[in-house]
Every structure is written in C-alpha cells, then in structure tokens.
C-alpha atoms as a PDB file:
ATOM      1  CA  MET A   1      -6.276  -3.359  -8.685  1.00  0.00           C
ATOM      2  CA  TYR A   2      -5.019  -4.592  -5.334  1.00  0.00           C
ATOM      3  CA  VAL A   3      -1.915  -3.044  -3.787  1.00  0.00           C
ATOM      4  CA  GLY A   4       0.185  -4.405  -0.947  1.00  0.00           C
ATOM      5  CA  LEU A   5       2.358  -1.880   0.869  1.00  0.00           C
ATOM      6  CA  ASP A   6       5.434  -2.855   2.842  1.00  0.00           C
ATOM      7  CA  VAL A   7       5.997   0.154   5.102  1.00  0.00           C
ATOM      8  CA  HIS A   8       9.531   0.964   6.284  1.00  0.00           C
ATOM      9  CA  LYS A   9      10.919   3.918   8.208  1.00  0.00           C
ATOM     10  CA  SER A  10      12.010   5.977   5.182  1.00  0.00           C
ATOM     11  CA  TYR A  11      10.265   4.271   2.258  1.00  0.00           C
ATOM     12  CA  VAL A  12       7.273   2.175   1.213  1.00  0.00           C
ATOM     13  CA  TYR A  13       7.524  -0.758  -1.190  1.00  0.00           C
ATOM     14  CA  ALA A  14       4.370  -1.097  -3.284  1.00  0.00           C
ATOM     15  CA  VAL A  15       3.298  -4.286  -5.068  1.00  0.00           C
ATOM     16  CA  PRO A  16       0.183  -3.906  -7.236  1.00  0.00           C
ATOM     17  CA  ILE A  17      -1.707  -6.973  -8.463  1.00  0.00           C
ATOM     18  CA  ASP A  18      -4.443  -6.858 -11.093  1.00  0.00           C
ATOM     19  CA  GLU A  19      -7.767  -8.699 -10.930  1.00  0.00           C
ATOM     20  CA  THR A  20      -6.233 -11.792 -12.598  1.00  0.00           C
ATOM     21  CA  GLY A  21      -3.516 -12.058  -9.924  1.00  0.00           C
ATOM     22  CA  ARG A  22      -0.751 -10.773 -12.204  1.00  0.00           C
ATOM     23  CA  LYS A  23       1.895  -8.666 -10.466  1.00  0.00           C
ATOM     24  CA  CYS A  24       2.196  -5.264 -12.114  1.00  0.00           C
ATOM     25  CA  SER A  25       5.115  -2.851 -11.855  1.00  0.00           C
ATOM     26  CA  SER A  26       6.235  -2.760  -8.235  1.00  0.00           C
ATOM     27  CA  GLY A  27       8.589  -0.250  -6.730  1.00  0.00           C
ATOM     28  CA  ARG A  28      10.000   1.700  -3.866  1.00  0.00           C
ATOM     29  CA  LEU A  29       8.372   5.010  -2.910  1.00  0.00           C
ATOM     30  CA  ASN A  30       9.648   7.780  -0.680  1.00  0.00           C
ATOM     31  CA  ASN A  31       7.769   7.834   2.586  1.00  0.00           C
ATOM     32  CA  ASP A  32       6.215  11.293   2.251  1.00  0.00           C
ATOM     33  CA  ARG A  33       2.613  12.403   1.805  1.00  0.00           C
ATOM     34  CA  ALA A  34       3.034  13.899  -1.695  1.00  0.00           C
ATOM     35  CA  THR A  35       4.775  10.822  -3.143  1.00  0.00           C
ATOM     36  CA  LEU A  36       2.239   8.415  -1.641  1.00  0.00           C
ATOM     37  CA  ARG A  37      -0.737  10.433  -2.891  1.00  0.00           C
ATOM     38  CA  ASN A  38       0.789  10.786  -6.374  1.00  0.00           C
ATOM     39  CA  TYR A  39       1.242   7.020  -6.471  1.00  0.00           C
ATOM     40  CA  VAL A  40      -2.356   6.208  -5.531  1.00  0.00           C
ATOM     41  CA  ASP A  41      -3.601   8.893  -7.946  1.00  0.00           C
ATOM     42  CA  SER A  42      -1.909   6.876 -10.718  1.00  0.00           C
ATOM     43  CA  LEU A  43      -3.935   3.761  -9.790  1.00  0.00           C
ATOM     44  CA  PRO A  44      -7.398   2.913 -11.144  1.00  0.00           C
ATOM     45  CA  ASP A  45     -10.261   4.458  -9.133  1.00  0.00           C
ATOM     46  CA  CYS A  46     -11.429   1.160  -7.639  1.00  0.00           C
ATOM     47  CA  SER A  47      -8.053   0.188  -6.139  1.00  0.00           C
ATOM     48  CA  LYS A  48      -7.832  -1.565  -2.789  1.00  0.00           C
ATOM     49  CA  VAL A  49      -4.766  -1.158  -0.577  1.00  0.00           C
ATOM     50  CA  VAL A  50      -3.536  -3.253   2.341  1.00  0.00           C
ATOM     51  CA  MET A  51      -0.510  -2.690   4.558  1.00  0.00           C
ATOM     52  CA  GLU A  52       1.035  -4.456   7.494  1.00  0.00           C
ATOM     53  CA  ALA A  53       0.362  -2.717  10.807  1.00  0.00           C
ATOM     54  CA  CYS A  54       4.010  -2.114  11.677  1.00  0.00           C
ATOM     55  CA  TYR A  55       6.283   0.842  12.395  1.00  0.00           C
ATOM     56  CA  GLY A  56       5.145   3.981  10.577  1.00  0.00           C
ATOM     57  CA  TRP A  57       1.768   2.704   9.405  1.00  0.00           C
ATOM     58  CA  PRO A  58      -0.288   5.587  10.928  1.00  0.00           C
ATOM     59  CA  PHE A  59       1.433   8.191   8.730  1.00  0.00           C
ATOM     60  CA  VAL A  60       0.889   6.149   5.577  1.00  0.00           C
ATOM     61  CA  TYR A  61      -2.714   5.349   6.524  1.00  0.00           C
ATOM     62  CA  ASP A  62      -3.485   9.034   7.132  1.00  0.00           C
ATOM     63  CA  ALA A  63      -1.873  10.023   3.829  1.00  0.00           C
ATOM     64  CA  LEU A  64      -3.947   7.507   1.833  1.00  0.00           C
ATOM     65  CA  GLU A  65      -7.256   7.528   3.707  1.00  0.00           C
ATOM     66  CA  GLY A  66     -10.033   8.623   1.362  1.00  0.00           C
ATOM     67  CA  GLN A  67      -7.742   8.389  -1.672  1.00  0.00           C
ATOM     68  CA  VAL A  68      -8.515   4.744  -2.534  1.00  0.00           C
ATOM     69  CA  GLU A  69     -11.674   2.605  -2.529  1.00  0.00           C
ATOM     70  CA  SER A  70     -10.498   0.479   0.381  1.00  0.00           C
ATOM     71  CA  LEU A  71      -7.604   0.813   2.832  1.00  0.00           C
ATOM     72  CA  ALA A  72      -6.916  -2.006   5.297  1.00  0.00           C
ATOM     73  CA  LEU A  73      -4.341  -3.119   7.834  1.00  0.00           C
ATOM     74  CA  SER A  74      -3.102  -6.654   8.270  1.00  0.00           C
ATOM     75  CA  HIS A  75      -1.817  -8.192  11.481  1.00  0.00           C
ATOM     76  CA  PRO A  76       2.012  -8.575  11.290  1.00  0.00           C
ATOM     77  CA  LYS A  77       2.120 -12.166  12.588  1.00  0.00           C
ATOM     78  CA  ARG A  78      -0.695 -13.297  10.293  1.00  0.00           C
ATOM     79  CA  THR A  79       0.862 -11.536   7.314  1.00  0.00           C
ATOM     80  CA  LYS A  80       4.079 -13.533   7.758  1.00  0.00           C
ATOM     81  CA  ALA A  81       2.075 -16.770   7.821  1.00  0.00           C
ATOM     82  CA  VAL A  82       0.487 -15.919   4.466  1.00  0.00           C
ATOM     83  CA  ALA A  83       3.814 -15.011   2.848  1.00  0.00           C
END
C-alpha cells in the first residue's frame, strides 16, 4: 500500500493506492497524533507513506516515524509538476 498525505494546518487528506495503482478509500483526518497513528495502524504492515514538505509536515512526520515501512517527503514544486 502506498499513501499520499496532503498536510494542511488542521487536517491531513490521505489517499491510499494499492500495488495495482487502484485508489482505495481516501479521506480527511484530524491533524492530531492519535488520529494519525490510528490511521496508519489500520494500513497493511508494509505501507509506504509520502507527504509534501509544506506547512505542518514536521508534526505529521514525527507522529508517523517508525509506524510505517517507509516515510518520505516530496519537494513542493516537484510534487505540483507530477500532479
């Protein structure tokens, strides 16, 4: 499972994609440690997460570090080019 996180000031929008590229149930999460950890606990053990390095990313990164197989940041300008 691959999960893209769009981090905002008061919430995080999560978009999970399975190994075939199919978008799974996406949704808006409250931007607090307990909610974020509960969300990643519901994912398969080998999940990989990426988020744009924008406002608020350090809090989210700290909350999820060590909770998923892989946690990465993407450059904001390069992320927009991909989208």
